[in-house]
């Protein structure tokens, strides 16, 4: 972790900030900040504990930014600690600084946090920062997000805005009744905020973000990236189960402070801050706990304006499959069964590995195979052009062999929905309304596909018995 923070010579902003109130909190700033980060999320057992522990580090990073980065918070604590107690029987609810079942909304800064009070030995410095009971705040509704965005823009105006939706993520899900987008709120029966709602909120508030920082699992789907691409310049994602800790927001604030005028340079600095703790922390935890199962992980930054070029190749791939499926069903099905699956519960596969497997198995005539190889190579180039950075770690093994793609790595960090029969049959219309399907026509293949992408042995792959081997791979852009 880089210790020194280099402050650029740009003019800094002097502001007064306070808790949320009817006047939108705090005095008007004398000058716009360079960045305002809008943190929007909820707890859910272990996420409560993680975030509560992160707030001091975030506060220190904000103070060190000297007004260049402002950090807004709207966050609902979990309804209760029942779920986390099941995970951790020794859980102590007194570790919470916030109140379970309460929503907080405020700007994180030294003035907001200067008043420390104690009650029964506990620090309750956020007692005066309460917003509303979480039961009254529907974070999963578009209108709530829209009001929060407008409050942030009025309270902490900036040249650039970054949205951080935080909590467990599920990617682009077809079922809109209980959305598997992100932020499952146990104060409202696990309802989550849909990706389409986020896109609509940004559109309707006329807000173009510098970045969306998807602070949750499984958000690196093309379906997700495509839906929100028109409303942000960059997107940060994890396609596997995410390694989520305080280093994500802290590293982002530090990097923006160090390189406020060049976002991609800041992103690369953020990678330097993040990658050490992101991967080595898990390895160290594995070294201390022999029962901890090794898993794969990734994190990356993507240019939104390059997603369309990736989708163009996915459209080519879909047309290749559908036009040849009758004659080459065996090869296509073999490719579907062989592709890299990110998490066994979800049919999210590595998009480039799917193209590579099609090129391998669709070999009944030279013309088709040549076309499949062209699609795979053009797709690789498009993905590389879209990528600012990626951190990839391989921890998963099966019978001593690394689980990985045909190219010798485990992913390039972008996934694609391929089929979950019951879900797709019930909610195909929702998928077909997505920006991704409108750009690619991918549902034409989903309508034909009857093969599960998840082999019967996938649970064995995810749960290697008595396997204490852990390997760490660093994959730079020039090192496949």
Protein backbone atom coordinates (compact mmCIF):
# COMPACT_ATOMS: atom_id res chain seq x y z
CA UNK A 1 0.00 0.00 0.00
CA UNK A 2 1.48 3.31 -1.01
CA UNK A 3 1.80 5.43 2.10
CA UNK A 4 2.48 8.87 0.67
CA UNK A 5 -0.40 10.86 -0.79
CA UNK A 6 0.67 13.41 -3.39
CA UNK A 7 -1.56 16.49 -3.41
CA UNK A 8 -1.82 18.31 -6.72
CA UNK A 9 -1.54 22.05 -6.88
CA UNK A 10 -5.15 22.62 -7.89
CA UNK A 11 -7.14 25.03 -5.76
CA UNK A 12 -9.02 23.37 -2.94
CA UNK A 13 -12.50 24.01 -1.61
CA UNK A 14 -13.44 25.23 1.84
CA UNK A 15 -16.82 23.92 2.92
CA UNK A 16 -19.04 23.51 5.90
CA UNK A 17 -20.85 20.21 6.17
CA UNK A 18 -23.31 18.68 8.56
CA UNK A 19 -26.00 16.04 8.91
CA UNK A 20 -28.96 15.91 6.56
CA UNK A 21 -31.80 18.30 7.34
CA UNK A 22 -34.60 20.21 5.65
CA UNK A 23 -32.06 22.66 4.26
CA UNK A 24 -30.08 19.86 2.60
CA UNK A 25 -27.34 19.98 5.19
CA UNK A 26 -24.49 22.41 5.53
CA UNK A 27 -23.49 25.70 4.00
CA UNK A 28 -23.08 26.22 0.30
CA UNK A 29 -19.51 25.55 -0.85
CA UNK A 30 -17.36 28.46 -2.01
CA UNK A 31 -16.13 26.39 -4.94
CA UNK A 32 -17.01 23.08 -6.55
CA UNK A 33 -15.12 20.01 -5.44
CA UNK A 34 -13.28 18.03 -8.07
CA UNK A 35 -15.25 14.89 -7.16
CA UNK A 36 -18.32 14.11 -5.11
CA UNK A 37 -18.72 10.43 -4.29
CA UNK A 38 -22.29 9.32 -3.63
CA UNK A 39 -22.29 6.22 -1.44
CA UNK A 40 -25.70 4.51 -1.45
CA UNK A 41 -26.32 1.17 0.18
CA UNK A 42 -27.58 -1.08 2.93
CA UNK A 43 -26.24 -3.63 5.38
CA UNK A 44 -27.20 -7.26 5.34
CA UNK A 45 -25.28 -9.01 8.12
CA UNK A 46 -21.59 -9.07 7.34
CA UNK A 47 -21.75 -5.95 5.15
CA UNK A 48 -22.85 -3.88 8.15
CA UNK A 49 -19.75 -4.91 10.07
CA UNK A 50 -17.45 -4.33 7.11
CA UNK A 51 -18.77 -0.84 6.39
CA UNK A 52 -18.87 0.28 10.00
CA UNK A 53 -15.23 -0.63 10.31
CA UNK A 54 -14.42 1.27 7.12
CA UNK A 55 -15.88 4.64 8.02
CA UNK A 56 -12.91 5.91 10.03
CA UNK A 57 -10.50 5.06 7.21
CA UNK A 58 -12.81 6.72 4.67
CA UNK A 59 -13.07 9.82 6.85
CA UNK A 60 -9.29 10.11 7.14
CA UNK A 61 -8.89 9.78 3.36
CA UNK A 62 -11.54 12.47 2.77
CA UNK A 63 -9.83 14.87 5.17
CA UNK A 64 -6.47 14.25 3.46
CA UNK A 65 -8.04 15.16 0.09
CA UNK A 66 -8.20 18.81 1.26
CA UNK A 67 -11.63 19.36 -0.25
CA UNK A 68 -10.92 17.81 -3.64
CA UNK A 69 -13.08 14.77 -2.83
CA UNK A 70 -16.37 14.97 -0.95
CA UNK A 71 -18.06 11.81 0.30
CA UNK A 72 -21.83 11.61 0.73
CA UNK A 73 -23.51 8.72 2.55
CA UNK A 74 -26.99 7.24 2.49
CA UNK A 75 -26.98 3.89 4.20
CA UNK A 76 -29.52 1.66 5.95
CA UNK A 77 -28.35 -0.60 8.75
CA UNK A 78 -29.67 -4.15 8.79
CA UNK A 79 -33.01 -4.87 10.39
CA UNK A 80 -31.33 -7.10 12.97
CA UNK A 81 -28.19 -9.15 13.45
CA UNK A 82 -29.81 -12.58 13.06
CA UNK A 83 -28.19 -13.39 9.73
CA UNK A 84 -24.71 -12.47 10.82
CA UNK A 85 -25.04 -14.42 14.04
CA UNK A 86 -25.57 -17.54 11.94
CA UNK A 87 -22.30 -16.82 10.13
CA UNK A 88 -20.42 -15.76 13.23
CA UNK A 89 -21.77 -17.18 16.53
CA UNK A 90 -19.41 -14.90 18.47
CA UNK A 91 -20.87 -11.78 16.87
CA UNK A 92 -21.13 -8.83 19.28
CA UNK A 93 -23.85 -6.33 18.26
CA UNK A 94 -22.05 -3.64 20.26
CA UNK A 95 -19.51 -3.31 17.44
CA UNK A 96 -22.11 -1.27 15.57
CA UNK A 97 -21.68 2.47 15.80
CA UNK A 98 -24.95 2.96 13.98
CA UNK A 99 -28.33 1.69 15.09
CA UNK A 100 -29.79 -1.44 13.54
CA UNK A 101 -32.88 -0.68 11.48
CA UNK A 102 -31.92 2.98 11.00
CA UNK A 103 -31.05 4.92 7.82
CA UNK A 104 -28.32 7.56 7.90
CA UNK A 105 -27.75 10.36 5.39
CA UNK A 106 -24.96 12.90 5.75
CA UNK A 107 -21.70 14.17 4.35
CA UNK A 108 -18.63 12.48 5.75
CA UNK A 109 -16.15 15.14 6.83
CA UNK A 110 -14.26 16.32 9.89
CA UNK A 111 -17.02 18.71 10.99
CA UNK A 112 -19.69 16.01 10.76
CA UNK A 113 -17.66 13.66 12.94
CA UNK A 114 -16.10 16.09 15.38
CA UNK A 115 -18.66 15.51 18.13
CA UNK A 116 -17.97 12.26 19.94
CA UNK A 117 -20.41 11.12 22.61
CA UNK A 118 -20.44 8.02 24.75
CA UNK A 119 -23.21 5.88 26.14
CA UNK A 120 -22.48 2.76 28.15
CA UNK A 121 -18.92 2.91 26.92
CA UNK A 122 -19.90 2.99 23.24
CA UNK A 123 -18.99 5.71 20.78
CA UNK A 124 -22.18 7.08 19.28
CA UNK A 125 -20.81 9.88 17.15
CA UNK A 126 -23.45 9.21 14.49
CA UNK A 127 -26.37 9.56 16.90
CA UNK A 128 -27.13 13.01 15.53
CA UNK A 129 -26.73 11.86 11.92
CA UNK A 130 -29.83 9.68 11.83
CA UNK A 131 -32.07 10.22 8.82
CA UNK A 132 -35.17 8.01 9.15
CA UNK A 133 -36.08 4.51 10.31
CA UNK A 134 -35.07 2.11 7.56
CA UNK A 135 -38.60 0.75 7.41
CA UNK A 136 -39.62 4.14 5.99
CA UNK A 137 -36.84 4.33 3.38
CA UNK A 138 -37.22 2.19 0.26
CA UNK A 139 -33.71 2.21 -1.12
CA UNK A 140 -34.75 -0.15 -3.92
CA UNK A 141 -37.11 2.40 -5.46
CA UNK A 142 -35.93 4.62 -8.28
CA UNK A 143 -37.53 7.69 -6.67
CA UNK A 144 -35.42 7.28 -3.50
CA UNK A 145 -32.20 7.13 -5.49
CA UNK A 146 -33.25 10.12 -7.58
CA UNK A 147 -33.94 12.22 -4.49
CA UNK A 148 -30.58 11.22 -3.00
CA UNK A 149 -28.70 12.13 -6.19
CA UNK A 150 -30.38 15.52 -6.30
CA UNK A 151 -29.57 16.09 -2.60
CA UNK A 152 -25.92 15.21 -3.20
CA UNK A 153 -25.63 17.52 -6.20
CA UNK A 154 -27.18 20.40 -4.27
CA UNK A 155 -25.29 19.80 -1.02
CA UNK A 156 -21.89 18.96 -2.50
CA UNK A 157 -21.69 20.25 -6.09
CA UNK A 158 -18.67 19.00 -7.98
CA UNK A 159 -17.10 18.86 -11.40
CA UNK A 160 -17.47 15.06 -11.38
CA UNK A 161 -19.77 12.61 -9.63
CA UNK A 162 -19.19 8.96 -8.73
CA UNK A 163 -21.96 6.64 -7.56
CA UNK A 164 -21.11 3.69 -5.30
CA UNK A 165 -24.07 1.30 -4.93
CA UNK A 166 -23.07 -0.96 -2.05
CA UNK A 167 -24.24 -4.33 -0.76
CA UNK A 168 -24.53 -7.87 -2.09
CA UNK A 169 -24.90 -7.92 -5.87
CA UNK A 170 -26.46 -10.36 -8.30
CA UNK A 171 -25.90 -8.82 -11.71
CA UNK A 172 -28.69 -8.33 -14.22
CA UNK A 173 -31.54 -10.51 -13.06
CA UNK A 174 -34.70 -11.27 -14.99
CA UNK A 175 -37.07 -11.31 -12.02
CA UNK A 176 -38.10 -7.74 -11.31
CA UNK A 177 -40.25 -8.55 -8.28
CA UNK A 178 -37.27 -9.36 -6.06
CA UNK A 179 -34.47 -7.80 -8.04
CA UNK A 180 -31.03 -9.33 -8.15
CA UNK A 181 -29.40 -6.08 -9.05
CA UNK A 182 -27.59 -4.89 -5.97
CA UNK A 183 -28.36 -3.79 -2.39
CA UNK A 184 -30.70 -6.43 -0.99
CA UNK A 185 -32.32 -4.67 1.95
CA UNK A 186 -33.50 -6.96 4.74
CA UNK A 187 -35.57 -4.07 6.08
CA UNK A 188 -37.79 -4.66 3.04
CA UNK A 189 -37.84 -8.45 2.61
CA UNK A 190 -34.61 -8.51 0.62
CA UNK A 191 -35.77 -6.14 -2.11
CA UNK A 192 -32.88 -4.87 -4.21
CA UNK A 193 -32.21 -1.95 -6.52
CA UNK A 194 -32.41 -2.99 -10.17
CA UNK A 195 -29.83 -2.00 -12.73
CA UNK A 196 -32.60 -0.62 -14.94
CA UNK A 197 -33.77 1.59 -12.04
CA UNK A 198 -30.26 2.98 -11.60
CA UNK A 199 -30.04 3.80 -15.31
CA UNK A 200 -33.48 5.41 -15.25
CA UNK A 201 -32.64 7.48 -12.15
CA UNK A 202 -29.51 8.86 -13.80
CA UNK A 203 -31.39 9.66 -16.98
CA UNK A 204 -34.30 11.36 -15.23
CA UNK A 205 -32.06 13.47 -12.99
CA UNK A 206 -29.94 14.44 -16.01
CA UNK A 207 -26.87 13.12 -14.22
CA UNK A 208 -23.81 11.92 -16.12
CA UNK A 209 -21.34 10.25 -13.81
CA UNK A 210 -17.61 10.04 -14.10
CA UNK A 211 -17.97 6.47 -12.83
CA UNK A 212 -20.18 3.87 -11.23
CA UNK A 213 -18.25 1.83 -8.68
CA UNK A 214 -20.23 -1.41 -8.36
CA UNK A 215 -19.39 -2.29 -4.74
CA UNK A 216 -20.83 -5.82 -4.78
CA UNK A 217 -20.57 -9.26 -6.33
CA UNK A 218 -21.33 -10.41 -9.88
CA UNK A 219 -21.79 -6.94 -11.40
CA UNK A 220 -19.35 -7.42 -14.28
CA UNK A 221 -21.99 -8.62 -16.72
CA UNK A 222 -22.30 -7.13 -20.18
CA UNK A 223 -25.99 -6.72 -19.43
CA UNK A 224 -25.12 -4.47 -16.46
CA UNK A 225 -22.37 -2.52 -18.21
CA UNK A 226 -24.55 -1.89 -21.26
CA UNK A 227 -27.59 -0.68 -19.31
CA UNK A 228 -25.69 2.06 -17.49
CA UNK A 229 -22.98 2.87 -20.09
CA UNK A 230 -24.81 5.94 -21.51
CA UNK A 231 -24.79 7.60 -18.08
CA UNK A 232 -21.17 7.18 -16.95
CA UNK A 233 -17.66 7.30 -18.38
CA UNK A 234 -16.27 4.35 -16.41
CA UNK A 235 -17.48 1.34 -14.44
CA UNK A 236 -15.65 -0.65 -11.76
CA UNK A 237 -16.78 -4.25 -11.38
CA UNK A 238 -16.15 -7.66 -9.91
CA UNK A 239 -17.53 -10.56 -11.93
CA UNK A 240 -16.94 -13.20 -9.27
CA UNK A 241 -17.99 -12.97 -5.65
CA UNK A 242 -16.31 -9.69 -4.73
CA UNK A 243 -13.54 -9.17 -2.22
CA UNK A 244 -15.26 -6.26 -0.48
CA UNK A 245 -13.54 -4.30 2.28
CA UNK A 246 -12.65 -0.75 3.22
CA UNK A 247 -9.78 -0.66 0.75
CA UNK A 248 -12.19 -0.08 -2.15
CA UNK A 249 -13.51 3.40 -1.19
CA UNK A 250 -10.31 4.39 0.61
CA UNK A 251 -8.09 3.52 -2.35
CA UNK A 252 -10.44 5.39 -4.71
CA UNK A 253 -10.35 8.57 -2.59
CA UNK A 254 -6.57 8.44 -2.26
CA UNK A 255 -6.09 7.89 -5.98
CA UNK A 256 -8.40 10.76 -6.92
CA UNK A 257 -6.52 12.99 -4.48
CA UNK A 258 -3.21 12.05 -6.05
CA UNK A 259 -4.37 12.45 -9.69
CA UNK A 260 -7.48 14.65 -9.68
CA UNK A 261 -7.16 15.83 -13.28
CA UNK A 262 -6.60 12.49 -15.03
CA UNK A 263 -9.18 9.88 -14.13
CA UNK A 264 -7.52 6.96 -15.88
CA UNK A 265 -4.25 7.76 -14.18
CA UNK A 266 -6.17 7.86 -10.89
CA UNK A 267 -7.72 4.48 -11.69
CA UNK A 268 -4.28 2.99 -12.25
CA UNK A 269 -3.10 4.43 -8.94
CA UNK A 270 -6.19 2.97 -7.31
CA UNK A 271 -5.18 -0.41 -8.66
CA UNK A 272 -1.78 -0.03 -7.00
CA UNK A 273 -3.43 0.77 -3.66
CA UNK A 274 -6.02 -1.95 -4.04
CA UNK A 275 -4.31 -4.98 -5.46
CA UNK A 276 -2.03 -5.71 -2.53
CA UNK A 277 -4.78 -5.85 0.07
CA UNK A 278 -7.35 -7.21 -2.36
CA UNK A 279 -5.49 -10.42 -3.10
CA UNK A 280 -2.87 -10.89 -0.44
CA UNK A 281 -5.38 -10.37 2.35
CA UNK A 282 -7.27 -13.39 1.13
CA UNK A 283 -4.10 -15.43 0.79
CA UNK A 284 -3.08 -14.51 4.33
CA UNK A 285 -6.53 -15.47 5.59
CA UNK A 286 -6.17 -18.80 3.81
CA UNK A 287 -2.77 -19.36 5.40
CA UNK A 288 -4.34 -18.86 8.84
CA UNK A 289 -7.48 -20.90 8.22
CA UNK A 290 -7.01 -24.28 6.58
CA UNK A 291 -10.78 -24.69 6.28
CA UNK A 292 -11.17 -21.60 4.10
CA UNK A 293 -12.04 -22.74 0.58
CA UNK A 294 -9.96 -21.20 -2.20
CA UNK A 295 -11.95 -19.20 -4.71
CA UNK A 296 -11.31 -17.11 -7.80
CA UNK A 297 -11.66 -13.35 -7.68
CA UNK A 298 -11.32 -10.33 -9.95
CA UNK A 299 -11.82 -6.58 -10.10
CA UNK A 300 -11.48 -4.13 -12.97
CA UNK A 301 -12.22 -0.75 -14.48
CA UNK A 302 -13.97 -0.43 -17.85
CA UNK A 303 -14.49 2.39 -20.35
CA UNK A 304 -18.21 2.74 -20.95
CA UNK A 305 -17.83 4.13 -24.46
CA UNK A 306 -16.05 0.92 -25.53
CA UNK A 307 -18.81 -1.46 -24.44
CA UNK A 308 -20.66 -1.04 -27.76
CA UNK A 309 -17.69 -2.54 -29.64
CA UNK A 310 -17.80 -5.62 -27.39
CA UNK A 311 -21.54 -5.94 -27.98
CA UNK A 312 -20.99 -5.77 -31.74
CA UNK A 313 -18.92 -8.95 -31.52
CA UNK A 314 -21.45 -10.61 -29.20
CA UNK A 315 -24.08 -9.88 -31.85
CA UNK A 316 -21.86 -11.56 -34.45
CA UNK A 317 -21.40 -14.52 -32.11
CA UNK A 318 -25.14 -14.85 -31.53
CA UNK A 319 -25.88 -14.75 -35.25
CA UNK A 320 -23.19 -17.36 -35.87
CA UNK A 321 -24.72 -19.69 -33.27
CA UNK A 322 -28.35 -19.31 -34.33
CA UNK A 323 -27.67 -19.67 -38.04
CA UNK A 324 -25.63 -22.86 -37.55
CA UNK A 325 -27.32 -24.47 -34.54
CA UNK A 326 -29.37 -26.99 -36.49
CA UNK A 327 -26.33 -28.36 -38.29
CA UNK A 328 -23.83 -27.97 -35.45
CA UNK A 329 -25.90 -28.53 -32.34
CA UNK A 330 -23.37 -30.95 -30.89
CA UNK A 331 -20.50 -28.51 -31.17
CA UNK A 332 -22.45 -25.54 -29.84
CA UNK A 333 -23.77 -27.58 -26.90
CA UNK A 334 -20.25 -28.78 -26.13
CA UNK A 335 -19.05 -25.18 -26.09
CA UNK A 336 -21.91 -24.21 -23.75
CA UNK A 337 -20.96 -27.04 -21.39
CA UNK A 338 -17.25 -26.19 -21.42
CA UNK A 339 -17.30 -22.45 -20.90
CA UNK A 340 -15.97 -20.83 -17.72
CA UNK A 341 -18.80 -20.20 -15.20
CA UNK A 342 -18.11 -17.45 -12.67
CA UNK A 343 -20.34 -18.69 -9.86
CA UNK A 344 -22.20 -21.97 -10.02
CA UNK A 345 -25.53 -20.52 -8.78
CA UNK A 346 -25.72 -18.17 -11.77
CA UNK A 347 -25.37 -18.81 -15.52
CA UNK A 348 -22.86 -15.98 -15.93
CA UNK A 349 -20.08 -17.20 -18.23
CA UNK A 350 -16.89 -15.60 -19.47
CA UNK A 351 -17.83 -14.02 -22.79
CA UNK A 352 -14.42 -14.46 -24.43
CA UNK A 353 -14.09 -18.06 -23.27
CA UNK A 354 -17.50 -18.77 -24.81
CA UNK A 355 -16.28 -17.41 -28.15
CA UNK A 356 -13.07 -19.45 -27.86
CA UNK A 357 -14.99 -22.64 -27.10
CA UNK A 358 -17.29 -22.06 -30.06
CA UNK A 359 -14.25 -21.69 -32.29
CA UNK A 360 -12.90 -24.97 -30.90
CA UNK A 361 -16.06 -27.06 -31.18
CA UNK A 362 -17.80 -25.57 -34.24
CA UNK A 363 -15.44 -27.37 -36.60
CA UNK A 364 -17.75 -29.21 -38.99
CA UNK A 365 -16.84 -26.91 -41.84
CA UNK A 366 -13.85 -24.63 -42.35
CA UNK A 367 -15.89 -21.52 -43.10
CA UNK A 368 -17.85 -21.67 -39.85
CA UNK A 369 -14.75 -22.33 -37.79
CA UNK A 370 -12.88 -19.46 -39.44
CA UNK A 371 -15.76 -17.12 -38.70
CA UNK A 372 -15.86 -18.27 -35.06
CA UNK A 373 -12.12 -17.63 -34.72
CA UNK A 374 -12.50 -14.14 -36.21
CA UNK A 375 -15.28 -13.32 -33.73
CA UNK A 376 -13.17 -14.53 -30.80
CA UNK A 377 -10.13 -12.52 -31.86
CA UNK A 378 -12.14 -9.35 -32.52
CA UNK A 379 -13.88 -9.81 -29.19
CA UNK A 380 -10.55 -10.08 -27.42
CA UNK A 381 -9.38 -6.84 -28.99
CA UNK A 382 -12.62 -5.07 -28.04
CA UNK A 383 -12.35 -6.22 -24.42
CA UNK A 384 -8.74 -5.10 -24.19
CA UNK A 385 -9.67 -1.68 -25.64
CA UNK A 386 -12.41 -1.30 -23.02
CA UNK A 387 -10.20 -2.24 -20.09
CA UNK A 388 -8.36 0.33 -17.98
CA UNK A 389 -7.06 -2.25 -15.53
CA UNK A 390 -7.93 -5.62 -14.10
CA UNK A 391 -6.79 -7.52 -11.02
CA UNK A 392 -7.17 -11.27 -11.39
CA UNK A 393 -6.48 -13.89 -8.76
CA UNK A 394 -6.75 -17.65 -9.18
CA UNK A 395 -7.42 -19.57 -6.01
CA UNK A 396 -9.70 -22.35 -7.23
CA UNK A 397 -8.34 -25.81 -8.02
CA UNK A 398 -9.86 -29.16 -8.85
CA UNK A 399 -7.80 -32.32 -8.38
CA UNK A 400 -4.67 -30.17 -8.35
CA UNK A 401 -5.51 -28.38 -11.61
CA UNK A 402 -6.32 -24.70 -11.93
CA UNK A 403 -9.83 -24.02 -13.18
CA UNK A 404 -9.36 -21.65 -16.07
CA UNK A 405 -10.27 -20.74 -19.62
CA UNK A 406 -8.90 -21.99 -22.92
CA UNK A 407 -6.50 -19.04 -23.08
CA UNK A 408 -4.78 -20.19 -19.93
CA UNK A 409 -6.28 -17.62 -17.59
CA UNK A 410 -9.55 -17.75 -15.71
CA UNK A 411 -11.23 -14.70 -17.21
CA UNK A 412 -10.96 -11.31 -18.77
CA UNK A 413 -13.47 -10.00 -16.29
CA UNK A 414 -16.68 -9.64 -18.33
CA UNK A 415 -19.51 -12.13 -18.18
CA UNK A 416 -22.60 -12.93 -20.21
CA UNK A 417 -25.96 -14.50 -19.35
CA UNK A 418 -26.46 -17.76 -21.23
CA UNK A 419 -29.48 -19.57 -19.77
CA UNK A 420 -31.22 -20.44 -16.57
CA UNK A 421 -34.23 -22.30 -17.94
CA UNK A 422 -36.96 -21.62 -15.36
CA UNK A 423 -35.94 -18.01 -14.86
CA UNK A 424 -35.67 -17.21 -18.54
CA UNK A 425 -38.93 -18.93 -19.46
CA UNK A 426 -40.79 -16.89 -16.85
CA UNK A 427 -39.16 -13.54 -17.51
CA UNK A 428 -37.89 -13.53 -21.10
CA UNK A 429 -39.74 -10.29 -21.79
CA UNK A 430 -37.65 -8.51 -19.13
CA UNK A 431 -34.42 -9.65 -20.75
CA UNK A 432 -35.63 -8.61 -24.19
CA UNK A 433 -36.34 -5.11 -22.88
CA UNK A 434 -32.73 -4.67 -21.76
CA UNK A 435 -30.37 -2.31 -23.55
CA UNK A 436 -28.01 -5.24 -24.05
CA UNK A 437 -30.54 -7.37 -25.91
CA UNK A 438 -31.66 -4.45 -28.00
CA UNK A 439 -28.04 -3.97 -29.05
CA UNK A 440 -27.17 -7.63 -29.64
CA UNK A 441 -30.34 -9.67 -30.15
CA UNK A 442 -28.83 -12.24 -27.76
CA UNK A 443 -32.29 -13.46 -26.73
CA UNK A 444 -32.63 -15.13 -30.14
CA UNK A 445 -30.01 -17.62 -28.94
CA UNK A 446 -31.52 -17.89 -25.46
CA UNK A 447 -34.87 -18.79 -27.05
CA UNK A 448 -33.17 -21.72 -28.80
CA UNK A 449 -30.74 -22.89 -26.13
CA UNK A 450 -31.81 -25.88 -24.05
CA UNK A 451 -28.43 -26.72 -22.53
CA UNK A 452 -27.37 -25.72 -19.03
CA UNK A 453 -23.97 -24.05 -18.84
CA UNK A 454 -23.32 -25.59 -15.44
CA UNK A 455 -21.82 -29.10 -15.42
CA UNK A 456 -22.84 -31.55 -12.72
CA UNK A 457 -19.39 -31.40 -11.13
CA UNK A 458 -19.41 -27.65 -10.61
CA UNK A 459 -20.05 -27.95 -6.86
CA UNK A 460 -16.90 -30.03 -6.60
CA UNK A 461 -15.02 -27.27 -8.40
CA UNK A 462 -16.29 -24.71 -5.94
CA UNK A 463 -15.63 -26.84 -2.86
CA UNK A 464 -12.27 -28.58 -3.22
CA UNK A 465 -11.98 -31.04 -0.35
CA UNK A 466 -8.89 -30.76 1.86
CA UNK A 467 -7.21 -28.55 -0.71
CA UNK A 468 -4.89 -26.06 0.95
CA UNK A 469 -3.06 -25.03 -2.23
CA UNK A 470 -3.43 -21.38 -3.11
CA UNK A 471 -1.86 -19.75 -6.14
CA UNK A 472 -1.83 -16.09 -6.99
CA UNK A 473 -1.59 -14.97 -10.61
CA UNK A 474 -1.00 -11.40 -11.68
CA UNK A 475 -2.26 -10.74 -15.19
CA UNK A 476 -1.08 -7.54 -16.79
CA UNK A 477 -2.40 -6.34 -20.12
CA UNK A 478 0.67 -7.70 -21.91
CA UNK A 479 0.76 -10.98 -20.00
CA UNK A 480 -1.97 -13.49 -20.81
